[in-house]
Structure formats: C-alpha cells, structure tokens
C-alpha cells in the first residue's frame, strides 16, 4: 500500500484553512451581532444606521458559515 504524502498534506492544509476561516467568520458574526445591540435595546428605541449595518454584517457572516458547512456536507454525502 502506497501513501501519497503530498496529497495527504494538501488535504490536511485545506481542511485546517477552511476550519480557521469558519471559526473566524462565526466569531466576527457574534461580535457584530453583539455590537448591533440585540437583546439590550429598549423597545421603541430607534435603531441607527450603524446598528443596521452591524446586523446585516452578522447575518452575512453566519450565512457564509452555513454555506461552507452545507458545501462540505454536499461533498461528503452522495446524492
């Protein structure tokens, strides 16, 4: 049995890189979600533009994490 070490190292590197990207994107999503003031603002308080941009950025970060996870599942699970 022959192991192609170059391919094995390549797969390890790509999986490590994607894992780091997902963790960073999720962390950025949590940080921007907190900056948007979810759960802390009083009802009826007008939201500023900064809070709306932070909320949209958080949703985009979470959507990117979901898309990466869905693509990985699609690669693993045969249809």
PDB file of N, CA and C in Angstrom:
ATOM      1  N   UNK A   1       0.847  -1.163   0.000  1.00  0.00           N
ATOM      2  CA  UNK A   1       0.000   0.000   0.000  1.00  0.00           C
ATOM      3  C   UNK A   1       0.898   1.234   0.000  1.00  0.00           C
ATOM      4  N   UNK A   2       0.591   2.134  -0.917  1.00  0.00           N
ATOM      5  CA  UNK A   2       1.404   3.333  -1.088  1.00  0.00           C
ATOM      6  C   UNK A   2       0.599   4.562  -0.673  1.00  0.00           C
ATOM      7  N   UNK A   3       1.204   5.427   0.132  1.00  0.00           N
ATOM      8  CA  UNK A   3       0.540   6.656   0.568  1.00  0.00           C
ATOM      9  C   UNK A   3       1.152   7.821  -0.184  1.00  0.00           C
ATOM     10  N   UNK A   4       0.300   8.634  -0.794  1.00  0.00           N
ATOM     11  CA  UNK A   4       0.756   9.844  -1.468  1.00  0.00           C
ATOM     12  C   UNK A   4       0.789  10.962  -0.425  1.00  0.00           C
ATOM     13  N   UNK A   5       1.970  11.189   0.164  1.00  0.00           N
ATOM     14  CA  UNK A   5       2.101  12.116   1.274  1.00  0.00           C
ATOM     15  C   UNK A   5       1.817  13.556   0.865  1.00  0.00           C
ATOM     16  N   UNK A   6       2.128  13.910  -0.355  1.00  0.00           N
ATOM     17  CA  UNK A   6       1.853  15.263  -0.815  1.00  0.00           C
ATOM     18  C   UNK A   6       0.367  15.565  -0.832  1.00  0.00           C
ATOM     19  N   UNK A   7      -0.418  14.611  -1.293  1.00  0.00           N
ATOM     20  CA  UNK A   7      -1.866  14.783  -1.315  1.00  0.00           C
ATOM     21  C   UNK A   7      -2.429  14.807   0.101  1.00  0.00           C
ATOM     22  N   UNK A   8      -1.897  13.950   0.969  1.00  0.00           N
ATOM     23  CA  UNK A   8      -2.353  13.916   2.360  1.00  0.00           C
ATOM     24  C   UNK A   8      -2.082  15.249   3.054  1.00  0.00           C
ATOM     25  N   UNK A   9      -0.906  15.811   2.847  1.00  0.00           N
ATOM     26  CA  UNK A   9      -0.565  17.110   3.439  1.00  0.00           C
ATOM     27  C   UNK A   9      -1.443  18.211   2.837  1.00  0.00           C
ATOM     28  N   UNK A  10      -1.738  18.118   1.559  1.00  0.00           N
ATOM     29  CA  UNK A  10      -2.606  19.101   0.918  1.00  0.00           C
ATOM     30  C   UNK A  10      -4.013  19.079   1.482  1.00  0.00           C
ATOM     31  N   UNK A  11      -4.559  17.893   1.679  1.00  0.00           N
ATOM     32  CA  UNK A  11      -5.895  17.762   2.263  1.00  0.00           C
ATOM     33  C   UNK A  11      -5.898  18.293   3.691  1.00  0.00           C
ATOM     34  N   UNK A  12      -4.865  17.987   4.445  1.00  0.00           N
ATOM     35  CA  UNK A  12      -4.764  18.499   5.814  1.00  0.00           C
ATOM     36  C   UNK A  12      -4.704  20.021   5.824  1.00  0.00           C
ATOM     37  N   UNK A  13      -3.902  20.595   4.930  1.00  0.00           N
ATOM     38  CA  UNK A  13      -3.771  22.048   4.867  1.00  0.00           C
ATOM     39  C   UNK A  13      -5.069  22.745   4.492  1.00  0.00           C
ATOM     40  N   UNK A  14      -5.773  22.200   3.513  1.00  0.00           N
ATOM     41  CA  UNK A  14      -7.043  22.804   3.094  1.00  0.00           C
ATOM     42  C   UNK A  14      -8.081  22.683   4.202  1.00  0.00           C
ATOM     43  N   UNK A  15      -8.162  21.535   4.844  1.00  0.00           N
ATOM     44  CA  UNK A  15      -9.152  21.370   5.914  1.00  0.00           C
ATOM     45  C   UNK A  15      -8.832  22.275   7.107  1.00  0.00           C
ATOM     46  N   UNK A  16      -7.568  22.439   7.428  1.00  0.00           N
ATOM     47  CA  UNK A  16      -7.175  23.342   8.509  1.00  0.00           C
ATOM     48  C   UNK A  16      -7.512  24.787   8.151  1.00  0.00           C
ATOM     49  N   UNK A  17      -7.231  25.165   6.924  1.00  0.00           N
ATOM     50  CA  UNK A  17      -7.519  26.530   6.477  1.00  0.00           C
ATOM     51  C   UNK A  17      -9.005  26.835   6.491  1.00  0.00           C
ATOM     52  N   UNK A  18      -9.818  25.916   5.992  1.00  0.00           N
ATOM     53  CA  UNK A  18     -11.266  26.120   5.980  1.00  0.00           C
ATOM     54  C   UNK A  18     -11.803  26.168   7.414  1.00  0.00           C
ATOM     55  N   UNK A  19     -11.260  25.344   8.291  1.00  0.00           N
ATOM     56  CA  UNK A  19     -11.692  25.369   9.691  1.00  0.00           C
ATOM     57  C   UNK A  19     -11.404  26.724  10.330  1.00  0.00           C
ATOM     58  N   UNK A  20     -10.236  27.266  10.069  1.00  0.00           N
ATOM     59  CA  UNK A  20      -9.879  28.583  10.611  1.00  0.00           C
ATOM     60  C   UNK A  20     -10.804  29.657  10.046  1.00  0.00           C
ATOM     61  N   UNK A  21     -11.096  29.593   8.754  1.00  0.00           N
ATOM     62  CA  UNK A  21     -11.983  30.578   8.124  1.00  0.00           C
ATOM     63  C   UNK A  21     -13.381  30.526   8.741  1.00  0.00           C
ATOM     64  N   UNK A  22     -13.903  29.336   8.961  1.00  0.00           N
ATOM     65  CA  UNK A  22     -15.248  29.209   9.543  1.00  0.00           C
ATOM     66  C   UNK A  22     -15.263  29.744  10.971  1.00  0.00           C
ATOM     67  N   UNK A  23     -14.253  29.441  11.755  1.00  0.00           N
ATOM     68  CA  UNK A  23     -14.207  29.928  13.135  1.00  0.00           C
ATOM     69  C   UNK A  23     -14.098  31.451  13.169  1.00  0.00           C
ATOM     70  N   UNK A  24     -13.280  32.021  12.311  1.00  0.00           N
ATOM     71  CA  UNK A  24     -13.131  33.477  12.266  1.00  0.00           C
ATOM     72  C   UNK A  24     -14.433  34.138  11.811  1.00  0.00           C
ATOM     73  N   UNK A  25     -15.073  33.584  10.781  1.00  0.00           N
ATOM     74  CA  UNK A  25     -16.329  34.162  10.298  1.00  0.00           C
ATOM     75  C   UNK A  25     -17.422  34.085  11.372  1.00  0.00           C
ATOM     76  N   UNK A  26     -17.504  32.978  12.076  1.00  0.00           N
ATOM     77  CA  UNK A  26     -18.511  32.846  13.133  1.00  0.00           C
ATOM     78  C   UNK A  26     -18.212  33.818  14.277  1.00  0.00           C
ATOM     79  N   UNK A  27     -16.940  33.970  14.622  1.00  0.00           N
ATOM     80  CA  UNK A  27     -16.563  34.908  15.688  1.00  0.00           C
ATOM     81  C   UNK A  27     -16.884  36.346  15.294  1.00  0.00           C
ATOM     82  N   UNK A  28     -16.604  36.703  14.043  1.00  0.00           N
ATOM     83  CA  UNK A  28     -16.956  38.036  13.570  1.00  0.00           C
ATOM     84  C   UNK A  28     -18.469  38.239  13.579  1.00  0.00           C
ATOM     85  N   UNK A  29     -19.209  37.204  13.219  1.00  0.00           N
ATOM     86  CA  UNK A  29     -20.655  37.291  13.263  1.00  0.00           C
ATOM     87  C   UNK A  29     -21.170  37.531  14.673  1.00  0.00           C
ATOM     88  N   UNK A  30     -20.617  36.814  15.643  1.00  0.00           N
ATOM     89  CA  UNK A  30     -21.034  37.018  17.035  1.00  0.00           C
ATOM     90  C   UNK A  30     -20.673  38.414  17.532  1.00  0.00           C
ATOM     91  N   UNK A  31     -19.484  38.884  17.174  1.00  0.00           N
ATOM     92  CA  UNK A  31     -19.054  40.212  17.619  1.00  0.00           C
ATOM     93  C   UNK A  31     -19.924  41.311  17.019  1.00  0.00           C
ATOM     94  N   UNK A  32     -20.220  41.208  15.736  1.00  0.00           N
ATOM     95  CA  UNK A  32     -21.049  42.241  15.113  1.00  0.00           C
ATOM     96  C   UNK A  32     -22.506  42.136  15.566  1.00  0.00           C
ATOM     97  N   UNK A  33     -22.983  40.932  15.862  1.00  0.00           N
ATOM     98  CA  UNK A  33     -24.335  40.767  16.375  1.00  0.00           C
ATOM     99  C   UNK A  33     -24.460  41.450  17.741  1.00  0.00           C
ATOM    100  N   UNK A  34     -23.419  41.317  18.560  1.00  0.00           N
ATOM    101  CA  UNK A  34     -23.414  41.974  19.863  1.00  0.00           C
ATOM    102  C   UNK A  34     -23.340  43.491  19.707  1.00  0.00           C
ATOM    103  N   UNK A  35     -22.551  43.968  18.744  1.00  0.00           N
ATOM    104  CA  UNK A  35     -22.453  45.411  18.517  1.00  0.00           C
ATOM    105  C   UNK A  35     -23.747  45.994  17.977  1.00  0.00           C
ATOM    106  N   UNK A  36     -24.545  45.166  17.324  1.00  0.00           N
ATOM    107  CA  UNK A  36     -25.824  45.647  16.811  1.00  0.00           C
ATOM    108  C   UNK A  36     -26.805  45.895  17.952  1.00  0.00           C
ATOM    109  N   UNK A  37     -26.489  45.397  19.141  1.00  0.00           N
ATOM    110  CA  UNK A  37     -27.316  45.665  20.310  1.00  0.00           C
ATOM    111  C   UNK A  37     -28.494  44.744  20.461  1.00  0.00           C
ATOM    112  N   UNK A  38     -28.420  43.545  19.919  1.00  0.00           N
ATOM    113  CA  UNK A  38     -29.540  42.617  20.043  1.00  0.00           C
ATOM    114  C   UNK A  38     -29.655  42.140  21.480  1.00  0.00           C
ATOM    115  N   UNK A  39     -30.852  42.291  22.006  1.00  0.00           N
ATOM    116  CA  UNK A  39     -31.113  41.859  23.366  1.00  0.00           C
ATOM    117  C   UNK A  39     -30.876  42.928  24.410  1.00  0.00           C
ATOM    118  N   UNK A  40     -30.343  44.101  24.035  1.00  0.00           N
ATOM    119  CA  UNK A  40     -30.034  45.129  25.016  1.00  0.00           C
ATOM    120  C   UNK A  40     -30.837  46.409  24.823  1.00  0.00           C
ATOM    121  N   UNK A  41     -31.355  46.657  23.640  1.00  0.00           N
ATOM    122  CA  UNK A  41     -32.041  47.908  23.388  1.00  0.00           C
ATOM    123  C   UNK A  41     -33.474  47.838  23.918  1.00  0.00           C
ATOM    124  N   UNK A  42     -33.958  48.976  24.361  1.00  0.00           N
ATOM    125  CA  UNK A  42     -35.325  49.054  24.866  1.00  0.00           C
ATOM    126  C   UNK A  42     -36.299  49.077  23.692  1.00  0.00           C
ATOM    127  N   UNK A  43     -37.482  48.519  23.868  1.00  0.00           N
ATOM    128  CA  UNK A  43     -38.451  48.543  22.763  1.00  0.00           C
ATOM    129  C   UNK A  43     -38.852  49.986  22.437  1.00  0.00           C
ATOM    130  N   UNK A  44     -38.993  50.261  21.149  1.00  0.00           N
ATOM    131  CA  UNK A  44     -39.373  51.590  20.700  1.00  0.00           C
ATOM    132  C   UNK A  44     -38.190  52.509  20.469  1.00  0.00           C
ATOM    133  N   UNK A  45     -36.983  52.041  20.790  1.00  0.00           N
ATOM    134  CA  UNK A  45     -35.798  52.855  20.564  1.00  0.00           C
ATOM    135  C   UNK A  45     -35.425  52.796  19.093  1.00  0.00           C
ATOM    136  N   UNK A  46     -35.270  53.944  18.435  1.00  0.00           N
ATOM    137  CA  UNK A  46     -34.910  53.913  17.015  1.00  0.00           C
ATOM    138  C   UNK A  46     -33.493  53.372  16.824  1.00  0.00           C
ATOM    139  N   UNK A  47     -33.350  52.563  15.818  1.00  0.00           N
ATOM    140  CA  UNK A  47     -32.040  51.961  15.541  1.00  0.00           C
ATOM    141  C   UNK A  47     -31.287  52.850  14.576  1.00  0.00           C
ATOM    142  N   UNK A  48     -30.039  53.037  14.845  1.00  0.00           N
ATOM    143  CA  UNK A  48     -29.207  53.847  13.972  1.00  0.00           C
ATOM    144  C   UNK A  48     -28.694  53.042  12.791  1.00  0.00           C
ATOM    145  N   UNK A  49     -28.074  53.774  11.874  1.00  0.00           N
ATOM    146  CA  UNK A  49     -27.535  53.133  10.675  1.00  0.00           C
ATOM    147  C   UNK A  49     -26.426  52.147  11.037  1.00  0.00           C
ATOM    148  N   UNK A  50     -25.608  52.500  12.022  1.00  0.00           N
ATOM    149  CA  UNK A  50     -24.507  51.625  12.429  1.00  0.00           C
ATOM    150  C   UNK A  50     -25.031  50.281  12.921  1.00  0.00           C
ATOM    151  N   UNK A  51     -26.111  50.299  13.674  1.00  0.00           N
ATOM    152  CA  UNK A  51     -26.670  49.055  14.201  1.00  0.00           C
ATOM    153  C   UNK A  51     -27.235  48.187  13.079  1.00  0.00           C
ATOM    154  N   UNK A  52     -27.836  48.816  12.075  1.00  0.00           N
ATOM    155  CA  UNK A  52     -28.378  48.053  10.953  1.00  0.00           C
ATOM    156  C   UNK A  52     -27.264  47.424  10.133  1.00  0.00           C
ATOM    157  N   UNK A  53     -26.179  48.170   9.905  1.00  0.00           N
ATOM    158  CA  UNK A  53     -25.041  47.623   9.151  1.00  0.00           C
ATOM    159  C   UNK A  53     -24.399  46.477   9.919  1.00  0.00           C
ATOM    160  N   UNK A  54     -24.291  46.616  11.238  1.00  0.00           N
ATOM    161  CA  UNK A  54     -23.712  45.550  12.057  1.00  0.00           C
ATOM    162  C   UNK A  54     -24.587  44.298  12.008  1.00  0.00           C
ATOM    163  N   UNK A  55     -25.900  44.475  12.031  1.00  0.00           N
ATOM    164  CA  UNK A  55     -26.801  43.319  11.972  1.00  0.00           C
ATOM    165  C   UNK A  55     -26.710  42.617  10.622  1.00  0.00           C
ATOM    166  N   UNK A  56     -26.650  43.378   9.550  1.00  0.00           N
ATOM    167  CA  UNK A  56     -26.531  42.789   8.213  1.00  0.00           C
ATOM    168  C   UNK A  56     -25.197  42.066   8.068  1.00  0.00           C
ATOM    169  N   UNK A  57     -24.134  42.651   8.596  1.00  0.00           N
ATOM    170  CA  UNK A  57     -22.815  42.013   8.532  1.00  0.00           C
ATOM    171  C   UNK A  57     -22.819  40.700   9.310  1.00  0.00           C
ATOM    172  N   UNK A  58     -23.457  40.691  10.468  1.00  0.00           N
ATOM    173  CA  UNK A  58     -23.533  39.461  11.264  1.00  0.00           C
ATOM    174  C   UNK A  58     -24.289  38.378  10.517  1.00  0.00           C
ATOM    175  N   UNK A  59     -25.404  38.734   9.907  1.00  0.00           N
ATOM    176  CA  UNK A  59     -26.187  37.750   9.162  1.00  0.00           C
ATOM    177  C   UNK A  59     -25.385  37.212   7.979  1.00  0.00           C
ATOM    178  N   UNK A  60     -24.638  38.066   7.300  1.00  0.00           N
ATOM    179  CA  UNK A  60     -23.803  37.610   6.183  1.00  0.00           C
ATOM    180  C   UNK A  60     -22.700  36.661   6.652  1.00  0.00           C
ATOM    181  N   UNK A  61     -22.106  36.947   7.806  1.00  0.00           N
ATOM    182  CA  UNK A  61     -21.077  36.047   8.345  1.00  0.00           C
ATOM    183  C   UNK A  61     -21.673  34.681   8.682  1.00  0.00           C
ATOM    184  N   UNK A  62     -22.844  34.682   9.308  1.00  0.00           N
ATOM    185  CA  UNK A  62     -23.490  33.418   9.643  1.00  0.00           C
ATOM    186  C   UNK A  62     -23.909  32.667   8.380  1.00  0.00           C
ATOM    187  N   UNK A  63     -24.361  33.391   7.372  1.00  0.00           N
ATOM    188  CA  UNK A  63     -24.751  32.756   6.113  1.00  0.00           C
ATOM    189  C   UNK A  63     -23.536  32.132   5.421  1.00  0.00           C
ATOM    190  N   UNK A  64     -22.387  32.801   5.501  1.00  0.00           N
ATOM    191  CA  UNK A  64     -21.170  32.240   4.908  1.00  0.00           C
ATOM    192  C   UNK A  64     -20.768  30.956   5.622  1.00  0.00           C
ATOM    193  N   UNK A  65     -20.882  30.932   6.943  1.00  0.00           N
ATOM    194  CA  UNK A  65     -20.578  29.706   7.698  1.00  0.00           C
ATOM    195  C   UNK A  65     -21.528  28.585   7.306  1.00  0.00           C
ATOM    196  N   UNK A  66     -22.791  28.907   7.176  1.00  0.00           N
ATOM    197  CA  UNK A  66     -23.776  27.909   6.789  1.00  0.00           C
ATOM    198  C   UNK A  66     -23.513  27.384   5.385  1.00  0.00           C
ATOM    199  N   UNK A  67     -23.136  28.275   4.471  1.00  0.00           N
ATOM    200  CA  UNK A  67     -22.853  27.855   3.097  1.00  0.00           C
ATOM    201  C   UNK A  67     -21.633  26.936   3.039  1.00  0.00           C
ATOM    202  N   UNK A  68     -20.608  27.249   3.797  1.00  0.00           N
ATOM    203  CA  UNK A  68     -19.408  26.404   3.822  1.00  0.00           C
ATOM    204  C   UNK A  68     -19.734  25.031   4.404  1.00  0.00           C
ATOM    205  N   UNK A  69     -20.511  25.014   5.481  1.00  0.00           N
ATOM    206  CA  UNK A  69     -20.891  23.737   6.087  1.00  0.00           C
ATOM    207  C   UNK A  69     -21.761  22.916   5.139  1.00  0.00           C
ATOM    208  N   UNK A  70     -22.697  23.567   4.460  1.00  0.00           N
ATOM    209  CA  UNK A  70     -23.568  22.856   3.521  1.00  0.00           C
ATOM    210  C   UNK A  70     -22.765  22.301   2.349  1.00  0.00           C
ATOM    211  N   UNK A  71     -21.794  23.054   1.868  1.00  0.00           N
ATOM    212  CA  UNK A  71     -20.956  22.568   0.773  1.00  0.00           C
ATOM    213  C   UNK A  71     -20.127  21.363   1.213  1.00  0.00           C
ATOM    214  N   UNK A  72     -19.599  21.407   2.434  1.00  0.00           N
ATOM    215  CA  UNK A  72     -18.836  20.274   2.952  1.00  0.00           C
ATOM    216  C   UNK A  72     -19.696  19.029   3.094  1.00  0.00           C
ATOM    217  N   UNK A  73     -20.913  19.190   3.562  1.00  0.00           N
ATOM    218  CA  UNK A  73     -21.829  18.053   3.670  1.00  0.00           C
ATOM    219  C   UNK A  73     -22.172  17.514   2.288  1.00  0.00           C
ATOM    220  N   UNK A  74     -22.354  18.433   1.324  1.00  0.00           N
ATOM    221  CA  UNK A  74     -22.648  18.017  -0.042  1.00  0.00           C
ATOM    222  C   UNK A  74     -21.497  17.212  -0.658  1.00  0.00           C
ATOM    223  N   UNK A  75     -20.268  17.567  -0.293  1.00  0.00           N
ATOM    224  CA  UNK A  75     -19.113  16.806  -0.790  1.00  0.00           C
ATOM    225  C   UNK A  75     -19.042  15.407  -0.183  1.00  0.00           C
ATOM    226  N   UNK A  76     -19.455  15.295   1.072  1.00  0.00           N
ATOM    227  CA  UNK A  76     -19.326  14.027   1.793  1.00  0.00           C
ATOM    228  C   UNK A  76     -20.466  13.067   1.471  1.00  0.00           C
ATOM    229  N   UNK A  77     -21.704  13.576   1.467  1.00  0.00           N
ATOM    230  CA  UNK A  77     -22.875  12.727   1.315  1.00  0.00           C
ATOM    231  C   UNK A  77     -23.201  12.566  -0.172  1.00  0.00           C
ATOM    232  N   UNK A  78     -23.179  11.344  -0.665  1.00  0.00           N
ATOM    233  CA  UNK A  78     -23.536  11.147  -2.073  1.00  0.00           C
ATOM    234  C   UNK A  78     -25.040  11.290  -2.294  1.00  0.00           C
ATOM    235  N   UNK A  79     -25.367  11.798  -3.465  1.00  0.00           N
ATOM    236  CA  UNK A  79     -26.793  12.014  -3.770  1.00  0.00           C
ATOM    237  C   UNK A  79     -27.351  10.841  -4.524  1.00  0.00           C
TER     238      UNK A  79
END
